[in-house]
N, C-alpha and C. Protein backbone atom coordinates (compact mmCIF):
# COMPACT_ATOMS: atom_id res chain seq x y z
N MET A 1 -0.11 18.77 2.05
CA MET A 1 -0.45 18.77 0.90
C MET A 1 -1.85 18.65 1.58
N ASP A 2 -2.83 19.34 1.53
CA ASP A 2 -4.35 19.57 1.79
C ASP A 2 -5.41 18.32 1.11
N LYS A 3 -6.00 18.09 1.56
CA LYS A 3 -7.23 16.81 1.11
C LYS A 3 -7.56 16.71 -0.48
N ILE A 4 -7.79 18.51 -0.48
CA ILE A 4 -8.30 18.72 -1.68
C ILE A 4 -7.70 18.52 -2.91
N ARG A 5 -5.96 18.75 -2.36
CA ARG A 5 -5.18 18.76 -3.78
C ARG A 5 -4.58 16.77 -3.78
N ALA A 6 -4.76 16.64 -2.84
CA ALA A 6 -4.51 15.44 -3.06
C ALA A 6 -5.68 14.42 -3.45
N ASN A 7 -6.56 14.71 -3.56
CA ASN A 7 -7.72 14.21 -3.97
C ASN A 7 -7.61 14.39 -5.75
N ASN A 8 -7.53 15.61 -5.76
CA ASN A 8 -6.87 16.28 -7.61
C ASN A 8 -5.93 15.14 -7.91
N LEU A 9 -5.44 14.86 -7.76
CA LEU A 9 -3.67 13.73 -8.05
C LEU A 9 -4.55 12.32 -8.71
N SER A 10 -4.19 12.01 -9.90
CA SER A 10 -3.89 10.81 -10.77
C SER A 10 -3.80 10.15 -9.38
N PRO A 11 -5.06 8.93 -8.98
CA PRO A 11 -4.70 7.67 -8.19
C PRO A 11 -3.62 7.02 -9.05
N ILE A 12 -3.18 6.75 -9.73
CA ILE A 12 -2.03 6.35 -10.39
C ILE A 12 -0.61 7.16 -9.67
N VAL A 13 -0.65 7.98 -9.45
CA VAL A 13 0.25 8.81 -8.79
C VAL A 13 0.16 8.57 -6.88
N LEU A 14 -0.91 8.64 -6.91
CA LEU A 14 -1.28 8.11 -5.35
C LEU A 14 -0.69 6.77 -5.17
N ALA A 15 -0.33 5.80 -6.13
CA ALA A 15 -0.03 4.75 -5.94
C ALA A 15 1.19 4.90 -6.25
N PHE A 16 1.78 5.38 -6.47
CA PHE A 16 3.57 5.77 -6.81
C PHE A 16 3.94 6.07 -5.90
N VAL A 17 3.11 7.02 -5.03
CA VAL A 17 4.09 7.51 -3.64
C VAL A 17 3.24 6.22 -2.54
N GLY A 18 2.39 5.36 -2.83
CA GLY A 18 2.11 4.59 -1.73
C GLY A 18 3.15 3.30 -1.63
N ASP A 19 2.96 3.13 -2.96
CA ASP A 19 4.37 1.89 -2.85
C ASP A 19 5.33 2.41 -2.50
N ALA A 20 6.22 3.87 -2.58
CA ALA A 20 7.25 3.50 -2.24
C ALA A 20 7.04 3.89 -0.23
N VAL A 21 5.91 4.19 0.45
CA VAL A 21 5.62 4.41 1.88
C VAL A 21 5.42 2.73 2.11
N TYR A 22 5.04 2.08 1.28
CA TYR A 22 4.82 0.86 1.84
C TYR A 22 6.02 0.07 1.69
N SER A 23 6.76 -0.09 0.95
CA SER A 23 8.03 -0.67 0.75
C SER A 23 8.72 0.32 2.07
N LEU A 24 8.81 1.07 1.92
CA LEU A 24 10.03 1.25 3.78
C LEU A 24 9.50 1.33 4.45
N TYR A 25 8.62 1.00 4.72
CA TYR A 25 7.74 0.30 6.15
C TYR A 25 7.97 -1.06 6.26
N VAL A 26 7.66 -1.64 5.19
CA VAL A 26 8.23 -3.23 5.25
C VAL A 26 9.78 -3.42 5.45
N ARG A 27 10.75 -2.76 5.08
CA ARG A 27 12.05 -2.64 4.97
C ARG A 27 12.23 -1.91 6.48
N GLU A 28 11.74 -1.03 6.66
CA GLU A 28 12.11 -0.70 8.29
C GLU A 28 11.22 -1.71 9.20
N ARG A 29 10.54 -2.34 9.15
CA ARG A 29 9.95 -3.30 10.09
C ARG A 29 11.11 -4.48 10.06
N LEU A 30 11.07 -5.14 9.01
CA LEU A 30 12.57 -5.96 8.78
C LEU A 30 13.48 -5.94 9.93
N THR A 31 14.19 -4.76 9.11
CA THR A 31 15.46 -4.40 10.02
C THR A 31 15.16 -4.21 11.05
N PHE A 32 14.47 -3.80 11.76
CA PHE A 32 14.21 -3.28 13.49
C PHE A 32 13.84 -4.66 14.06
N GLY A 33 13.30 -5.37 13.24
CA GLY A 33 12.78 -6.46 14.18
C GLY A 33 13.45 -8.16 13.87
N SER A 34 14.99 -7.74 13.45
CA SER A 34 15.29 -8.93 13.09
C SER A 34 17.01 -8.07 12.71
N ASP A 35 18.00 -9.49 12.76
CA ASP A 35 19.54 -9.07 12.69
C ASP A 35 19.68 -9.76 11.37
N TYR A 36 19.15 -9.82 10.29
CA TYR A 36 19.70 -10.83 9.11
C TYR A 36 20.24 -9.65 8.09
N LYS A 37 21.15 -10.66 7.31
CA LYS A 37 22.21 -9.39 6.31
C LYS A 37 20.84 -9.00 5.13
N SER A 38 21.60 -8.26 4.58
CA SER A 38 20.67 -7.33 3.56
C SER A 38 20.21 -8.34 2.31
N GLY A 39 20.51 -9.34 1.77
CA GLY A 39 20.37 -10.33 1.36
C GLY A 39 18.75 -10.98 1.50
N GLU A 40 18.94 -11.67 2.99
CA GLU A 40 17.79 -11.93 3.87
C GLU A 40 16.74 -11.46 3.91
N LEU A 41 17.16 -10.25 4.29
CA LEU A 41 15.84 -8.71 4.58
C LEU A 41 15.02 -8.26 2.55
N ASN A 42 16.04 -8.78 2.03
CA ASN A 42 15.52 -8.02 0.73
C ASN A 42 14.43 -9.45 -0.06
N LYS A 43 14.80 -10.75 0.24
CA LYS A 43 14.42 -11.92 0.02
C LYS A 43 12.93 -11.77 1.02
N LEU A 44 12.75 -11.58 2.22
CA LEU A 44 11.61 -11.34 3.15
C LEU A 44 10.78 -10.15 2.18
N ALA A 45 11.75 -9.13 2.20
CA ALA A 45 10.54 -8.02 1.62
C ALA A 45 9.93 -7.88 0.68
N THR A 46 10.46 -8.63 -0.49
CA THR A 46 9.88 -8.92 -1.73
C THR A 46 8.77 -10.17 -1.67
N LYS A 47 8.20 -10.58 -0.89
CA LYS A 47 7.75 -11.53 0.10
C LYS A 47 6.14 -11.04 0.27
N GLU A 48 6.39 -9.58 1.07
CA GLU A 48 5.25 -8.29 1.28
C GLU A 48 5.44 -7.59 0.23
N VAL A 49 5.97 -7.36 -0.15
CA VAL A 49 5.98 -5.93 -1.25
C VAL A 49 5.79 -6.34 -2.33
N ASN A 50 4.78 -6.95 -3.07
CA ASN A 50 4.28 -7.52 -4.44
C ASN A 50 2.44 -7.61 -5.11
N ALA A 51 2.40 -7.53 -5.63
CA ALA A 51 0.86 -7.58 -5.71
C ALA A 51 0.00 -7.92 -5.12
N THR A 52 0.53 -9.83 -4.93
CA THR A 52 -0.78 -10.56 -4.41
C THR A 52 -0.67 -10.20 -3.07
N ALA A 53 0.43 -9.86 -2.17
CA ALA A 53 0.43 -9.97 -0.81
C ALA A 53 0.06 -8.60 -0.59
N GLN A 54 -0.25 -7.81 -1.63
CA GLN A 54 -0.87 -6.26 -1.20
C GLN A 54 -1.98 -6.24 -1.17
N SER A 55 -2.46 -7.57 -2.12
CA SER A 55 -4.39 -7.21 -2.21
C SER A 55 -4.54 -8.33 -1.26
N GLU A 56 -3.54 -9.40 -0.60
CA GLU A 56 -4.49 -9.98 0.21
C GLU A 56 -4.51 -8.79 1.99
N PHE A 57 -3.21 -8.21 1.43
CA PHE A 57 -3.67 -7.40 2.94
C PHE A 57 -4.89 -6.31 2.65
N ILE A 58 -4.93 -5.99 1.52
CA ILE A 58 -6.16 -4.55 1.88
C ILE A 58 -7.31 -5.35 1.50
N ASN A 59 -7.30 -6.81 1.24
CA ASN A 59 -8.24 -7.30 1.90
C ASN A 59 -8.57 -7.79 3.16
N GLN A 60 -7.67 -7.94 4.05
CA GLN A 60 -8.06 -8.20 5.13
C GLN A 60 -8.41 -6.85 6.00
N ILE A 61 -7.80 -5.96 5.77
CA ILE A 61 -7.83 -4.02 6.26
C ILE A 61 -9.42 -3.54 5.90
N MET A 62 -10.04 -4.26 4.47
CA MET A 62 -11.29 -3.35 3.94
C MET A 62 -12.05 -3.27 4.55
N PRO A 63 -12.17 -3.88 5.91
CA PRO A 63 -13.79 -3.34 7.04
C PRO A 63 -13.18 -2.26 7.60
N MET A 64 -11.78 -1.99 7.60
CA MET A 64 -11.56 -0.66 8.32
C MET A 64 -11.36 0.66 8.05
N LEU A 65 -11.25 0.33 6.22
CA LEU A 65 -11.41 1.59 5.79
C LEU A 65 -12.46 2.93 5.86
N THR A 66 -12.24 4.12 5.92
CA THR A 66 -13.17 5.02 5.67
C THR A 66 -13.63 5.48 4.63
N GLU A 67 -14.78 5.31 4.40
CA GLU A 67 -15.76 5.85 3.26
C GLU A 67 -14.83 6.68 2.10
N GLU A 68 -13.79 7.55 2.84
CA GLU A 68 -12.79 8.35 2.16
C GLU A 68 -12.06 7.52 1.44
N GLU A 69 -10.86 6.48 2.11
CA GLU A 69 -10.26 5.50 1.52
C GLU A 69 -10.53 4.92 0.86
N LEU A 70 -11.85 3.91 0.86
CA LEU A 70 -12.16 3.50 0.05
C LEU A 70 -12.85 3.83 -1.28
N ALA A 71 -12.92 5.23 -1.61
CA ALA A 71 -13.29 6.06 -2.60
C ALA A 71 -11.74 6.37 -3.40
N ILE A 72 -11.01 6.13 -2.71
CA ILE A 72 -9.55 6.39 -3.32
C ILE A 72 -9.45 5.24 -3.59
N PHE A 73 -9.35 3.90 -3.05
CA PHE A 73 -9.32 2.46 -3.60
C PHE A 73 -9.79 2.42 -4.63
N LYS A 74 -11.16 2.85 -5.24
CA LYS A 74 -11.56 2.74 -6.03
C LYS A 74 -11.35 3.07 -7.37
N ARG A 75 -11.06 3.91 -6.97
CA ARG A 75 -10.82 5.05 -8.22
C ARG A 75 -9.23 4.26 -8.66
N ALA A 76 -8.21 3.94 -7.74
CA ALA A 76 -6.94 3.51 -8.25
C ALA A 76 -7.32 2.23 -8.78
N ARG A 77 -7.85 1.57 -8.08
CA ARG A 77 -7.72 0.25 -8.60
C ARG A 77 -8.83 -0.19 -9.93
N ASN A 78 -9.63 0.83 -10.39
CA ASN A 78 -10.16 1.18 -11.47
C ASN A 78 -9.76 1.72 -12.34
N ALA A 79 -8.45 2.59 -12.17
CA ALA A 79 -8.06 3.57 -13.10
C ALA A 79 -7.13 2.48 -14.70
N LYS A 80 -7.35 3.14 -15.50
CA LYS A 80 -6.20 2.95 -16.96
C LYS A 80 -4.88 2.86 -16.09
N LYS A 81 -4.45 1.68 -15.99
CA LYS A 81 -2.62 2.01 -15.87
C LYS A 81 -1.70 1.21 -17.01
N ALA A 82 -0.93 1.96 -17.14
CA ALA A 82 -0.30 2.35 -18.22
C ALA A 82 0.80 0.63 -18.73
N ASN A 83 0.96 0.19 -16.43
CA ASN A 83 1.75 -1.39 -16.72
C ASN A 83 0.94 -2.39 -17.04
N LYS A 84 1.30 -3.34 -16.91
CA LYS A 84 0.63 -4.87 -16.89
C LYS A 84 1.43 -5.51 -15.87
N ALA A 85 0.32 -6.32 -15.08
CA ALA A 85 0.56 -7.20 -14.06
C ALA A 85 1.57 -8.40 -14.55
N LYS A 86 2.92 -8.46 -14.17
CA LYS A 86 3.66 -9.56 -14.36
C LYS A 86 3.51 -10.72 -13.50
N HIS A 87 3.67 -10.64 -12.65
CA HIS A 87 3.84 -11.84 -11.51
C HIS A 87 2.32 -12.07 -10.56
N ALA A 88 1.22 -11.40 -11.32
CA ALA A 88 0.22 -11.95 -10.41
C ALA A 88 -1.00 -11.32 -11.04
N SER A 89 -2.34 -12.37 -10.48
CA SER A 89 -3.39 -11.98 -11.49
C SER A 89 -3.91 -10.33 -11.68
N VAL A 90 -4.43 -9.84 -12.99
CA VAL A 90 -5.10 -8.46 -12.61
C VAL A 90 -5.98 -8.37 -12.14
N SER A 91 -6.35 -8.81 -11.50
CA SER A 91 -7.38 -8.47 -10.09
C SER A 91 -6.43 -8.16 -8.95
N ASP A 92 -5.56 -9.19 -8.32
CA ASP A 92 -4.37 -8.83 -7.17
C ASP A 92 -3.81 -7.37 -7.63
N TYR A 93 -3.43 -7.34 -9.00
CA TYR A 93 -2.69 -6.07 -9.54
C TYR A 93 -3.51 -4.73 -8.90
N ASN A 94 -4.53 -5.08 -9.59
CA ASN A 94 -5.60 -3.47 -9.77
C ASN A 94 -5.69 -3.47 -8.28
N SER A 95 -5.57 -4.76 -7.53
CA SER A 95 -6.04 -4.07 -5.46
C SER A 95 -4.87 -3.34 -5.14
N ALA A 96 -3.43 -4.16 -5.65
CA ALA A 96 -2.41 -3.70 -4.86
C ALA A 96 -2.36 -2.53 -5.38
N THR A 97 -2.95 -1.46 -6.69
CA THR A 97 -2.74 -0.67 -6.87
C THR A 97 -3.62 0.57 -5.87
N GLY A 98 -5.00 -0.15 -6.03
CA GLY A 98 -5.92 0.70 -5.09
C GLY A 98 -4.99 0.58 -3.76
N PHE A 99 -4.68 -0.37 -2.88
CA PHE A 99 -3.86 -0.02 -1.38
C PHE A 99 -3.22 0.86 -1.68
N GLU A 100 -1.93 0.71 -2.48
CA GLU A 100 -1.19 1.81 -2.83
C GLU A 100 -1.17 3.33 -2.77
N ALA A 101 -2.14 3.30 -3.24
CA ALA A 101 -3.34 4.67 -3.49
C ALA A 101 -3.99 4.89 -2.40
N VAL A 102 -4.23 4.27 -1.26
CA VAL A 102 -4.82 4.72 -0.13
C VAL A 102 -3.16 5.23 0.43
N LEU A 103 -2.68 4.71 0.65
CA LEU A 103 -1.47 5.22 1.69
C LEU A 103 -0.71 5.86 0.97
N GLY A 104 -0.63 6.12 -0.42
CA GLY A 104 0.06 7.60 -0.57
C GLY A 104 -1.04 8.32 -0.42
N TYR A 105 -1.91 8.71 -0.65
CA TYR A 105 -3.05 9.97 -0.46
C TYR A 105 -2.73 10.29 1.41
N LEU A 106 -2.86 8.78 2.13
CA LEU A 106 -2.85 9.03 3.66
C LEU A 106 -1.36 9.88 3.90
N TYR A 107 -0.56 9.61 3.23
CA TYR A 107 0.68 10.02 3.56
C TYR A 107 0.84 11.17 3.12
N LEU A 108 1.12 11.63 1.94
CA LEU A 108 0.63 13.11 0.99
C LEU A 108 -0.20 14.07 1.66
N ILE A 109 -1.79 14.08 2.51
CA ILE A 109 -2.07 14.62 3.84
C ILE A 109 -1.84 14.71 4.72
N GLY A 110 -0.72 14.04 5.06
CA GLY A 110 0.15 13.86 6.38
C GLY A 110 -0.24 13.25 7.80
N ASP A 111 -1.82 12.46 7.87
CA ASP A 111 -2.13 11.91 8.74
C ASP A 111 -1.62 10.08 8.90
N ASN A 112 -0.25 10.39 9.71
CA ASN A 112 0.64 9.62 9.69
C ASN A 112 -0.06 8.51 10.62
N GLU A 113 -0.72 9.04 12.02
CA GLU A 113 -1.87 8.37 12.88
C GLU A 113 -2.20 7.37 11.92
N ARG A 114 -3.32 7.71 10.86
CA ARG A 114 -4.42 6.67 9.99
C ARG A 114 -3.50 5.34 9.25
N LEU A 115 -2.18 6.25 8.87
CA LEU A 115 -1.18 5.35 8.32
C LEU A 115 -0.73 4.47 8.85
N ASN A 116 -0.21 5.00 9.83
CA ASN A 116 0.40 3.79 10.70
C ASN A 116 -1.07 2.75 11.49
N PHE A 117 -1.99 3.25 11.76
CA PHE A 117 -2.89 2.80 12.28
C PHE A 117 -3.17 1.28 10.83
N ILE A 118 -3.21 1.57 10.14
CA ILE A 118 -3.65 0.67 8.67
C ILE A 118 -2.52 -0.58 8.59
N LEU A 119 -1.10 0.48 8.53
CA LEU A 119 -0.06 -0.68 8.31
C LEU A 119 0.26 -1.38 9.44
N ASN A 120 -0.12 -1.07 10.58
CA ASN A 120 -0.01 -1.91 11.95
C ASN A 120 -0.81 -3.20 11.62
N LYS A 121 -2.23 -2.28 11.50
CA LYS A 121 -3.36 -3.57 12.07
C LYS A 121 -2.68 -4.64 10.75
N GLY A 122 -2.47 -4.37 9.67
CA GLY A 122 -2.43 -5.49 8.21
C GLY A 122 -1.03 -6.54 9.12
N SER A 123 -0.03 -5.82 9.33
CA SER A 123 0.65 -5.99 10.06
C SER A 123 0.45 -7.70 11.37
N ASP A 124 -0.09 -7.08 12.47
CA ASP A 124 -0.94 -7.97 12.85
C ASP A 124 -2.01 -9.18 12.20
N ASN A 125 -2.60 -8.81 11.70
CA ASN A 125 -3.25 -9.85 11.08
C ASN A 125 -2.30 -10.62 10.53
N GLU A 126 -1.27 -10.50 10.11
CA GLU A 126 -0.08 -11.38 9.37
C GLU A 126 0.38 -12.58 10.19
N ASP A 127 0.67 -12.52 11.86
CA ASP A 127 0.95 -13.28 12.55
C ASP A 127 -0.06 -14.37 12.97
């Protein structure tokens, strides 16, 4: 998808895609990096794939975002959402939505190099 079309998508739609991208990334990393059974892998994944953890992640990588990525983050963070935060603060939920939108945008425009850089940089910061 070209950048213009991706930019014209709703930021919530970008976050919808980004949620799947991030979930798959975390699941792959956990699967390839361990020999745990699925139940334990799911417990580990849910520690990372939640609004609070994603908010912390985006705060770590915020200085690395380009102007374009930052604009997408802010658009999604500030967008009106149909769902409400269940297990996180509204602030964390909004930041997580922004984070997911950035990932969704990068995925949809096919910028896998940048997507991997962001995902791996955040992962490096957790260790």
